[in-house]
Amino acid sequence: MTTGGAMTGEMADGAAAWSEIVSAEPEFAARVQERFGAFEHHVLGTLRKDGAPRLTCLEADFRFGELWLGMMPGSRKALDLRRDPRFSLHANPGPGTDTAGGDVRVSGRAVEVTDPEVVARYAAAVRPPEPFHLFRAELTEMVRTSIGDPYVVLETWRPGRPLRTVRRKSDDSPPEVR
């Protein structure tokens, strides 16, 4: 599947462009983007031909109201996404054990962009090694887990639904759900 550029409005099959998420939940989107911005490299999960998961390193780029995934030509992850566009992208947790900013993951479908004007605009802004594959993320879920003592806080967003926040303690008390 290829596309020319950014899309507006809710996408088919309940996916959303980054700009939609920013409009719907600006504070949550800012926390997620800030977490990805803390480190350059993140972990991309794709599906191999046999259905097994493949984890690889990737730079995620928020630009022009979209989340972009750029890859070397012919890379296994690019070939995985061409065959099956489903992915998950986990923000680099960073050094140590504190996961400052929370633990963040986004999931959805990666749509390869082949429109020469869009690719050229991206390349002019980012200056990646060329040639490259360029994918635009259509997101179906974002999850952020953080510590808000005495709680573990789980925030989940899906297109068309409000942000859901669950706060749990490390005892048998029931979780608080908003």
N, C-alpha and C. Protein backbone atom coordinates (compact mmCIF):
# COMPACT_ATOMS: atom_id res chain seq x y z
N MET A 1 0.84 -1.16 0.00
CA MET A 1 0.00 0.00 0.00
C MET A 1 0.89 1.22 0.00
N THR A 2 0.61 2.17 -0.85
CA THR A 2 1.38 3.40 -0.89
C THR A 2 0.44 4.58 -0.83
N THR A 3 1.00 5.71 -0.47
CA THR A 3 0.19 6.91 -0.38
C THR A 3 1.03 8.12 -0.71
N GLY A 4 0.35 9.20 -1.03
CA GLY A 4 1.05 10.42 -1.40
C GLY A 4 1.53 11.21 -0.22
N GLY A 5 0.70 11.42 0.76
CA GLY A 5 1.12 12.28 1.85
C GLY A 5 0.23 12.12 3.05
N ALA A 6 0.17 13.18 3.85
CA ALA A 6 -0.61 13.14 5.08
C ALA A 6 -2.09 13.00 4.77
N MET A 7 -2.77 12.32 5.65
CA MET A 7 -4.21 12.16 5.51
C MET A 7 -4.87 12.89 6.66
N THR A 8 -6.09 13.34 6.44
CA THR A 8 -6.81 14.00 7.51
C THR A 8 -8.06 13.21 7.82
N GLY A 9 -8.56 13.37 9.02
CA GLY A 9 -9.74 12.63 9.44
C GLY A 9 -9.35 11.22 9.85
N GLU A 10 -10.29 10.52 10.50
CA GLU A 10 -9.99 9.16 10.94
C GLU A 10 -9.77 8.26 9.74
N MET A 11 -8.78 7.42 9.81
CA MET A 11 -8.42 6.54 8.71
C MET A 11 -9.27 5.28 8.74
N ALA A 12 -9.21 4.55 7.67
CA ALA A 12 -9.94 3.29 7.59
C ALA A 12 -9.48 2.35 8.70
N ASP A 13 -10.37 1.49 9.10
CA ASP A 13 -10.06 0.46 10.10
C ASP A 13 -9.64 1.01 11.45
N GLY A 14 -10.12 2.20 11.80
CA GLY A 14 -9.88 2.72 13.14
C GLY A 14 -8.46 3.14 13.44
N ALA A 15 -7.71 3.55 12.46
CA ALA A 15 -6.36 4.05 12.68
C ALA A 15 -6.38 5.58 12.62
N ALA A 16 -5.34 6.21 13.16
CA ALA A 16 -5.28 7.66 13.20
C ALA A 16 -3.89 8.16 12.84
N ALA A 17 -3.85 9.29 12.16
CA ALA A 17 -2.58 9.98 11.88
C ALA A 17 -2.12 10.67 13.17
N TRP A 18 -0.84 10.97 13.26
CA TRP A 18 -0.31 11.62 14.45
C TRP A 18 -1.02 12.95 14.70
N SER A 19 -1.29 13.72 13.65
CA SER A 19 -1.95 15.02 13.82
C SER A 19 -3.34 14.87 14.45
N GLU A 20 -4.04 13.79 14.16
CA GLU A 20 -5.34 13.52 14.78
C GLU A 20 -5.21 13.30 16.28
N ILE A 21 -4.18 12.57 16.66
CA ILE A 21 -3.95 12.26 18.07
C ILE A 21 -3.62 13.55 18.82
N VAL A 22 -2.79 14.39 18.20
CA VAL A 22 -2.45 15.67 18.81
C VAL A 22 -3.70 16.51 19.01
N SER A 23 -4.62 16.49 18.04
CA SER A 23 -5.87 17.24 18.19
C SER A 23 -6.78 16.65 19.25
N ALA A 24 -6.86 15.33 19.31
CA ALA A 24 -7.77 14.65 20.23
C ALA A 24 -7.27 14.66 21.67
N GLU A 25 -5.99 14.42 21.86
CA GLU A 25 -5.40 14.31 23.21
C GLU A 25 -4.05 15.01 23.24
N PRO A 26 -4.04 16.34 23.17
CA PRO A 26 -2.75 17.06 23.04
C PRO A 26 -1.76 16.82 24.17
N GLU A 27 -2.22 16.75 25.41
CA GLU A 27 -1.29 16.55 26.53
C GLU A 27 -0.69 15.16 26.50
N PHE A 28 -1.52 14.16 26.23
CA PHE A 28 -1.02 12.79 26.15
C PHE A 28 -0.06 12.64 24.97
N ALA A 29 -0.44 13.18 23.82
CA ALA A 29 0.43 13.12 22.64
C ALA A 29 1.78 13.78 22.92
N ALA A 30 1.76 14.89 23.64
CA ALA A 30 3.01 15.59 23.97
C ALA A 30 3.89 14.71 24.86
N ARG A 31 3.29 14.02 25.85
CA ARG A 31 4.08 13.12 26.71
C ARG A 31 4.69 11.98 25.91
N VAL A 32 3.92 11.42 24.99
CA VAL A 32 4.42 10.32 24.16
C VAL A 32 5.55 10.82 23.26
N GLN A 33 5.34 11.94 22.58
CA GLN A 33 6.37 12.46 21.68
C GLN A 33 7.62 12.86 22.44
N GLU A 34 7.46 13.44 23.61
CA GLU A 34 8.62 13.81 24.44
C GLU A 34 9.42 12.57 24.82
N ARG A 35 8.72 11.50 25.14
CA ARG A 35 9.41 10.25 25.52
C ARG A 35 10.21 9.70 24.35
N PHE A 36 9.63 9.72 23.14
CA PHE A 36 10.38 9.27 21.97
C PHE A 36 11.54 10.21 21.66
N GLY A 37 11.37 11.49 21.97
CA GLY A 37 12.42 12.46 21.71
C GLY A 37 13.60 12.39 22.67
N ALA A 38 13.45 11.66 23.77
CA ALA A 38 14.51 11.58 24.77
C ALA A 38 15.73 10.82 24.25
N PHE A 39 15.52 9.89 23.29
CA PHE A 39 16.61 9.10 22.74
C PHE A 39 16.41 8.98 21.23
N GLU A 40 17.48 8.75 20.53
CA GLU A 40 17.40 8.69 19.06
C GLU A 40 16.89 7.34 18.55
N HIS A 41 17.29 6.26 19.18
CA HIS A 41 16.96 4.93 18.67
C HIS A 41 15.92 4.23 19.55
N HIS A 42 15.01 3.51 18.89
CA HIS A 42 13.91 2.83 19.56
C HIS A 42 13.81 1.41 19.02
N VAL A 43 12.88 0.62 19.56
CA VAL A 43 12.75 -0.78 19.15
C VAL A 43 11.46 -0.95 18.35
N LEU A 44 11.62 -1.40 17.11
CA LEU A 44 10.50 -1.64 16.20
C LEU A 44 10.21 -3.13 16.17
N GLY A 45 8.95 -3.48 16.35
CA GLY A 45 8.50 -4.86 16.23
C GLY A 45 7.70 -5.02 14.95
N THR A 46 8.12 -5.96 14.09
CA THR A 46 7.42 -6.29 12.86
C THR A 46 7.16 -7.79 12.87
N LEU A 47 6.49 -8.26 11.83
CA LEU A 47 6.21 -9.70 11.72
C LEU A 47 6.98 -10.29 10.55
N ARG A 48 7.73 -11.35 10.83
CA ARG A 48 8.45 -12.07 9.79
C ARG A 48 7.46 -12.81 8.91
N LYS A 49 7.96 -13.33 7.81
CA LYS A 49 7.12 -14.09 6.87
C LYS A 49 6.42 -15.26 7.55
N ASP A 50 7.09 -15.90 8.51
CA ASP A 50 6.49 -17.05 9.20
C ASP A 50 5.60 -16.64 10.38
N GLY A 51 5.41 -15.32 10.59
CA GLY A 51 4.55 -14.83 11.65
C GLY A 51 5.27 -14.56 12.96
N ALA A 52 6.53 -14.96 13.05
CA ALA A 52 7.30 -14.72 14.28
C ALA A 52 7.64 -13.22 14.38
N PRO A 53 7.80 -12.70 15.60
CA PRO A 53 8.16 -11.30 15.75
C PRO A 53 9.61 -11.04 15.38
N ARG A 54 9.86 -9.84 14.85
CA ARG A 54 11.24 -9.39 14.59
C ARG A 54 11.39 -8.05 15.31
N LEU A 55 12.42 -7.92 16.14
CA LEU A 55 12.72 -6.67 16.83
C LEU A 55 13.98 -6.07 16.24
N THR A 56 13.90 -4.78 15.89
CA THR A 56 15.05 -4.09 15.30
C THR A 56 15.10 -2.66 15.82
N CYS A 57 16.25 -2.06 15.64
CA CYS A 57 16.46 -0.67 16.04
C CYS A 57 15.94 0.26 14.94
N LEU A 58 15.41 1.41 15.35
CA LEU A 58 14.85 2.35 14.38
C LEU A 58 14.84 3.75 14.98
N GLU A 59 15.00 4.75 14.13
CA GLU A 59 14.80 6.14 14.53
C GLU A 59 13.37 6.52 14.14
N ALA A 60 12.61 7.04 15.07
CA ALA A 60 11.25 7.51 14.80
C ALA A 60 11.30 9.02 14.64
N ASP A 61 10.51 9.54 13.72
CA ASP A 61 10.57 10.97 13.42
C ASP A 61 9.16 11.56 13.38
N PHE A 62 8.89 12.53 14.23
CA PHE A 62 7.62 13.25 14.24
C PHE A 62 7.84 14.53 13.44
N ARG A 63 7.16 14.62 12.30
CA ARG A 63 7.38 15.77 11.42
C ARG A 63 6.17 15.92 10.50
N PHE A 64 5.82 17.15 10.18
CA PHE A 64 4.71 17.44 9.25
C PHE A 64 3.40 16.80 9.72
N GLY A 65 3.18 16.71 11.02
CA GLY A 65 1.95 16.15 11.56
C GLY A 65 1.83 14.65 11.46
N GLU A 66 2.96 13.98 11.22
CA GLU A 66 2.96 12.52 11.05
C GLU A 66 4.08 11.90 11.88
N LEU A 67 3.95 10.61 12.11
CA LEU A 67 5.04 9.80 12.68
C LEU A 67 5.62 9.01 11.52
N TRP A 68 6.89 9.23 11.24
CA TRP A 68 7.57 8.61 10.09
C TRP A 68 8.55 7.55 10.57
N LEU A 69 8.67 6.49 9.77
CA LEU A 69 9.63 5.43 9.99
C LEU A 69 10.45 5.30 8.72
N GLY A 70 11.73 5.63 8.80
CA GLY A 70 12.61 5.52 7.64
C GLY A 70 13.54 4.33 7.79
N MET A 71 13.81 3.65 6.65
CA MET A 71 14.61 2.43 6.70
C MET A 71 15.53 2.31 5.49
N MET A 72 16.61 1.57 5.68
CA MET A 72 17.53 1.29 4.59
C MET A 72 16.82 0.47 3.52
N PRO A 73 17.21 0.67 2.26
CA PRO A 73 16.56 -0.09 1.18
C PRO A 73 16.80 -1.58 1.34
N GLY A 74 15.75 -2.36 1.18
CA GLY A 74 15.86 -3.81 1.25
C GLY A 74 16.05 -4.37 2.64
N SER A 75 15.94 -3.53 3.69
CA SER A 75 16.12 -4.04 5.05
C SER A 75 15.00 -5.03 5.37
N ARG A 76 15.30 -5.97 6.26
CA ARG A 76 14.30 -6.97 6.65
C ARG A 76 13.05 -6.32 7.22
N LYS A 77 13.23 -5.28 8.04
CA LYS A 77 12.06 -4.63 8.64
C LYS A 77 11.19 -3.97 7.57
N ALA A 78 11.81 -3.37 6.56
CA ALA A 78 11.04 -2.76 5.47
C ALA A 78 10.29 -3.84 4.69
N LEU A 79 10.96 -4.95 4.43
CA LEU A 79 10.30 -6.05 3.71
C LEU A 79 9.17 -6.64 4.54
N ASP A 80 9.38 -6.74 5.86
CA ASP A 80 8.30 -7.20 6.75
C ASP A 80 7.09 -6.29 6.62
N LEU A 81 7.31 -4.97 6.69
CA LEU A 81 6.20 -4.02 6.65
C LEU A 81 5.51 -3.98 5.28
N ARG A 82 6.25 -4.21 4.23
CA ARG A 82 5.62 -4.29 2.91
C ARG A 82 4.68 -5.49 2.83
N ARG A 83 5.06 -6.57 3.47
CA ARG A 83 4.26 -7.79 3.44
C ARG A 83 3.09 -7.72 4.43
N ASP A 84 3.35 -7.21 5.63
CA ASP A 84 2.34 -7.10 6.67
C ASP A 84 2.61 -5.79 7.41
N PRO A 85 1.78 -4.77 7.23
CA PRO A 85 2.09 -3.44 7.76
C PRO A 85 1.95 -3.26 9.26
N ARG A 86 1.53 -4.27 9.99
CA ARG A 86 1.36 -4.12 11.44
C ARG A 86 2.72 -3.98 12.13
N PHE A 87 2.75 -3.08 13.11
CA PHE A 87 4.00 -2.87 13.86
C PHE A 87 3.69 -2.39 15.26
N SER A 88 4.69 -2.49 16.12
CA SER A 88 4.71 -1.81 17.41
C SER A 88 6.06 -1.13 17.52
N LEU A 89 6.06 0.04 18.12
CA LEU A 89 7.29 0.80 18.31
C LEU A 89 7.39 1.15 19.78
N HIS A 90 8.47 0.68 20.41
CA HIS A 90 8.68 0.89 21.84
C HIS A 90 9.76 1.94 22.03
N ALA A 91 9.45 2.98 22.79
CA ALA A 91 10.43 4.03 23.05
C ALA A 91 11.59 3.46 23.86
N ASN A 92 12.78 3.87 23.50
CA ASN A 92 13.99 3.47 24.21
C ASN A 92 13.82 3.80 25.70
N PRO A 93 13.95 2.79 26.58
CA PRO A 93 13.75 3.05 28.00
C PRO A 93 14.88 3.83 28.64
N GLY A 94 16.01 3.95 27.95
CA GLY A 94 17.13 4.73 28.48
C GLY A 94 17.95 3.97 29.49
N PRO A 95 18.96 4.63 30.02
CA PRO A 95 19.85 3.97 30.98
C PRO A 95 19.19 3.84 32.35
N GLY A 96 19.67 2.92 33.12
CA GLY A 96 19.19 2.77 34.48
C GLY A 96 17.83 2.11 34.55
N THR A 97 17.18 2.29 35.68
CA THR A 97 15.91 1.60 35.91
C THR A 97 14.75 2.55 36.18
N ASP A 98 14.94 3.85 36.04
CA ASP A 98 13.87 4.77 36.43
C ASP A 98 12.83 5.02 35.33
N THR A 99 13.10 4.71 34.09
CA THR A 99 12.23 5.00 32.94
C THR A 99 11.57 6.37 33.07
N ALA A 100 12.40 7.38 33.27
CA ALA A 100 11.90 8.75 33.37
C ALA A 100 11.03 9.07 32.15
N GLY A 101 9.89 9.67 32.39
CA GLY A 101 8.97 9.98 31.30
C GLY A 101 8.03 8.85 30.98
N GLY A 102 8.18 7.73 31.65
CA GLY A 102 7.30 6.59 31.43
C GLY A 102 7.81 5.64 30.38
N ASP A 103 7.13 4.53 30.29
CA ASP A 103 7.41 3.50 29.30
C ASP A 103 6.35 3.66 28.22
N VAL A 104 6.75 3.89 26.97
CA VAL A 104 5.81 4.25 25.91
C VAL A 104 5.91 3.29 24.74
N ARG A 105 4.73 2.92 24.23
CA ARG A 105 4.64 2.06 23.03
C ARG A 105 3.49 2.56 22.17
N VAL A 106 3.72 2.56 20.85
CA VAL A 106 2.66 2.85 19.89
C VAL A 106 2.55 1.67 18.94
N SER A 107 1.35 1.41 18.45
CA SER A 107 1.12 0.31 17.52
C SER A 107 0.21 0.78 16.41
N GLY A 108 0.29 0.09 15.29
CA GLY A 108 -0.58 0.42 14.17
C GLY A 108 -0.12 -0.25 12.89
N ARG A 109 -0.32 0.49 11.80
CA ARG A 109 0.08 0.02 10.47
C ARG A 109 1.04 1.03 9.86
N ALA A 110 2.04 0.54 9.17
CA ALA A 110 3.00 1.40 8.47
C ALA A 110 2.64 1.39 6.99
N VAL A 111 2.40 2.58 6.45
CA VAL A 111 2.03 2.72 5.05
C VAL A 111 3.24 3.28 4.29
N GLU A 112 3.73 2.53 3.33
CA GLU A 112 4.90 3.01 2.57
C GLU A 112 4.51 4.19 1.71
N VAL A 113 5.33 5.21 1.77
CA VAL A 113 5.10 6.43 1.00
C VAL A 113 6.08 6.42 -0.17
N THR A 114 5.52 6.51 -1.38
CA THR A 114 6.36 6.48 -2.58
C THR A 114 6.20 7.74 -3.43
N ASP A 115 5.29 8.63 -3.06
CA ASP A 115 5.09 9.86 -3.81
C ASP A 115 6.41 10.63 -3.81
N PRO A 116 6.99 10.90 -4.99
CA PRO A 116 8.30 11.55 -5.05
C PRO A 116 8.35 12.91 -4.34
N GLU A 117 7.27 13.67 -4.39
CA GLU A 117 7.26 14.98 -3.73
C GLU A 117 7.31 14.85 -2.22
N VAL A 118 6.56 13.91 -1.68
CA VAL A 118 6.55 13.70 -0.23
C VAL A 118 7.90 13.17 0.23
N VAL A 119 8.44 12.20 -0.49
CA VAL A 119 9.74 11.64 -0.15
C VAL A 119 10.82 12.73 -0.22
N ALA A 120 10.77 13.57 -1.26
CA ALA A 120 11.75 14.64 -1.41
C ALA A 120 11.62 15.67 -0.27
N ARG A 121 10.40 16.01 0.11
CA ARG A 121 10.18 16.95 1.20
C ARG A 121 10.76 16.39 2.50
N TYR A 122 10.50 15.12 2.75
CA TYR A 122 11.04 14.47 3.95
C TYR A 122 12.57 14.45 3.89
N ALA A 123 13.12 14.04 2.76
CA ALA A 123 14.58 13.94 2.62
C ALA A 123 15.25 15.31 2.79
N ALA A 124 14.63 16.37 2.29
CA ALA A 124 15.19 17.71 2.43
C ALA A 124 15.24 18.14 3.90
N ALA A 125 14.25 17.73 4.66
CA ALA A 125 14.20 18.11 6.07
C ALA A 125 15.10 17.25 6.95
N VAL A 126 15.20 15.95 6.64
CA VAL A 126 15.89 15.01 7.52
C VAL A 126 17.31 14.69 7.05
N ARG A 127 17.52 14.69 5.77
CA ARG A 127 18.80 14.34 5.14
C ARG A 127 19.26 12.93 5.51
N PRO A 128 18.39 11.93 5.29
CA PRO A 128 18.78 10.55 5.58
C PRO A 128 19.71 10.03 4.49
N PRO A 129 20.45 8.97 4.76
CA PRO A 129 21.22 8.34 3.69
C PRO A 129 20.24 7.86 2.62
N GLU A 130 20.56 8.13 1.37
CA GLU A 130 19.66 7.72 0.29
C GLU A 130 20.29 6.60 -0.50
N PRO A 131 19.46 5.75 -1.09
CA PRO A 131 18.00 5.72 -1.05
C PRO A 131 17.50 5.17 0.28
N PHE A 132 16.19 5.29 0.50
CA PHE A 132 15.60 4.79 1.74
C PHE A 132 14.12 4.49 1.51
N HIS A 133 13.58 3.64 2.38
CA HIS A 133 12.13 3.39 2.42
C HIS A 133 11.56 4.36 3.43
N LEU A 134 10.40 4.91 3.11
CA LEU A 134 9.72 5.82 4.03
C LEU A 134 8.31 5.30 4.29
N PHE A 135 7.99 5.15 5.57
CA PHE A 135 6.66 4.69 5.98
C PHE A 135 6.03 5.73 6.89
N ARG A 136 4.74 5.93 6.72
CA ARG A 136 3.95 6.81 7.58
C ARG A 136 3.14 5.91 8.52
N ALA A 137 3.16 6.22 9.80
CA ALA A 137 2.46 5.40 10.80
C ALA A 137 0.99 5.80 10.88
N GLU A 138 0.13 4.81 10.79
CA GLU A 138 -1.29 4.96 11.09
C GLU A 138 -1.49 4.23 12.42
N LEU A 139 -1.78 4.98 13.46
CA LEU A 139 -1.77 4.41 14.81
C LEU A 139 -3.13 3.88 15.23
N THR A 140 -3.09 2.71 15.87
CA THR A 140 -4.30 2.08 16.40
C THR A 140 -4.29 2.02 17.92
N GLU A 141 -3.12 2.29 18.53
CA GLU A 141 -3.04 2.26 19.99
C GLU A 141 -1.77 2.96 20.44
N MET A 142 -1.89 3.65 21.58
CA MET A 142 -0.73 4.21 22.26
C MET A 142 -0.88 3.88 23.74
N VAL A 143 0.22 3.44 24.35
CA VAL A 143 0.19 3.06 25.76
C VAL A 143 1.39 3.72 26.46
N ARG A 144 1.11 4.30 27.61
CA ARG A 144 2.18 4.88 28.44
C ARG A 144 1.99 4.36 29.86
N THR A 145 3.03 3.77 30.40
CA THR A 145 3.03 3.28 31.77
C THR A 145 4.03 4.11 32.56
N SER A 146 3.60 4.63 33.70
CA SER A 146 4.49 5.46 34.51
C SER A 146 4.21 5.21 35.98
N ILE A 147 5.06 5.79 36.80
CA ILE A 147 4.90 5.67 38.25
C ILE A 147 4.44 7.02 38.78
N GLY A 148 3.34 7.02 39.48
CA GLY A 148 2.81 8.19 40.17
C GLY A 148 2.55 7.77 41.60
N ASP A 149 3.64 7.67 42.36
CA ASP A 149 3.63 7.06 43.69
C ASP A 149 2.38 7.43 44.47
N PRO A 150 1.63 6.51 45.00
CA PRO A 150 1.90 5.09 45.16
C PRO A 150 1.35 4.23 44.02
N TYR A 151 1.09 4.83 42.88
CA TYR A 151 0.42 4.12 41.79
C TYR A 151 1.36 3.78 40.64
N VAL A 152 1.00 2.70 39.94
CA VAL A 152 1.47 2.47 38.58
C VAL A 152 0.33 3.00 37.72
N VAL A 153 0.64 3.90 36.80
CA VAL A 153 -0.38 4.56 35.99
C VAL A 153 -0.26 4.06 34.56
N LEU A 154 -1.35 3.52 34.05
CA LEU A 154 -1.41 3.00 32.69
C LEU A 154 -2.39 3.85 31.90
N GLU A 155 -1.87 4.58 30.89
CA GLU A 155 -2.70 5.40 30.02
C GLU A 155 -2.78 4.72 28.66
N THR A 156 -3.99 4.56 28.15
CA THR A 156 -4.19 3.90 26.86
C THR A 156 -5.09 4.77 25.98
N TRP A 157 -4.68 4.96 24.74
CA TRP A 157 -5.47 5.71 23.77
C TRP A 157 -5.69 4.86 22.52
N ARG A 158 -6.92 4.87 22.03
CA ARG A 158 -7.27 4.23 20.76
C ARG A 158 -8.15 5.19 20.00
N PRO A 159 -8.08 5.20 18.66
CA PRO A 159 -8.90 6.12 17.87
C PRO A 159 -10.38 6.00 18.21
N GLY A 160 -11.02 7.16 18.29
CA GLY A 160 -12.45 7.19 18.53
C GLY A 160 -12.86 6.95 19.98
N ARG A 161 -11.90 6.78 20.87
CA ARG A 161 -12.19 6.54 22.28
C ARG A 161 -11.46 7.59 23.11
N PRO A 162 -12.01 7.91 24.28
CA PRO A 162 -11.28 8.84 25.14
C PRO A 162 -10.05 8.14 25.75
N LEU A 163 -9.12 8.95 26.18
CA LEU A 163 -7.96 8.43 26.89
C LEU A 163 -8.44 7.68 28.13
N ARG A 164 -7.93 6.49 28.33
CA ARG A 164 -8.29 5.68 29.49
C ARG A 164 -7.09 5.63 30.43
N THR A 165 -7.32 5.93 31.69
CA THR A 165 -6.26 5.93 32.68
C THR A 165 -6.62 4.97 33.81
N VAL A 166 -5.72 4.05 34.09
CA VAL A 166 -5.89 3.09 35.17
C VAL A 166 -4.76 3.31 36.16
N ARG A 167 -5.10 3.48 37.42
CA ARG A 167 -4.12 3.64 38.49
C ARG A 167 -4.23 2.43 39.41
N ARG A 168 -3.09 1.76 39.60
CA ARG A 168 -3.06 0.56 40.45
C ARG A 168 -2.01 0.73 41.53
N LYS A 169 -2.34 0.19 42.70
CA LYS A 169 -1.36 0.10 43.78
C LYS A 169 -0.80 -1.31 43.78
N SER A 170 0.29 -1.50 44.51
CA SER A 170 0.90 -2.83 44.56
C SER A 170 0.32 -3.66 45.70
N ASP A 171 -0.97 -3.49 45.94
CA ASP A 171 -1.64 -4.31 46.94
C ASP A 171 -2.91 -4.90 46.28
N ASP A 172 -3.82 -5.40 47.06
CA ASP A 172 -5.02 -6.02 46.52
C ASP A 172 -6.17 -5.03 46.28
N SER A 173 -5.94 -3.76 46.48
CA SER A 173 -7.03 -2.79 46.28
C SER A 173 -7.39 -2.72 44.79
N PRO A 174 -8.67 -2.46 44.50
CA PRO A 174 -9.08 -2.40 43.09
C PRO A 174 -8.46 -1.20 42.39
N PRO A 175 -8.20 -1.31 41.10
CA PRO A 175 -7.62 -0.18 40.36
C PRO A 175 -8.64 0.95 40.21
N GLU A 176 -8.13 2.16 40.07
CA GLU A 176 -8.97 3.32 39.76
C GLU A 176 -8.96 3.49 38.25
N VAL A 177 -10.14 3.57 37.65
CA VAL A 177 -10.23 3.68 36.20
C VAL A 177 -10.92 4.99 35.84
N ARG A 178 -10.31 5.73 34.92
CA ARG A 178 -10.93 6.97 34.40
C ARG A 178 -10.96 6.91 32.90
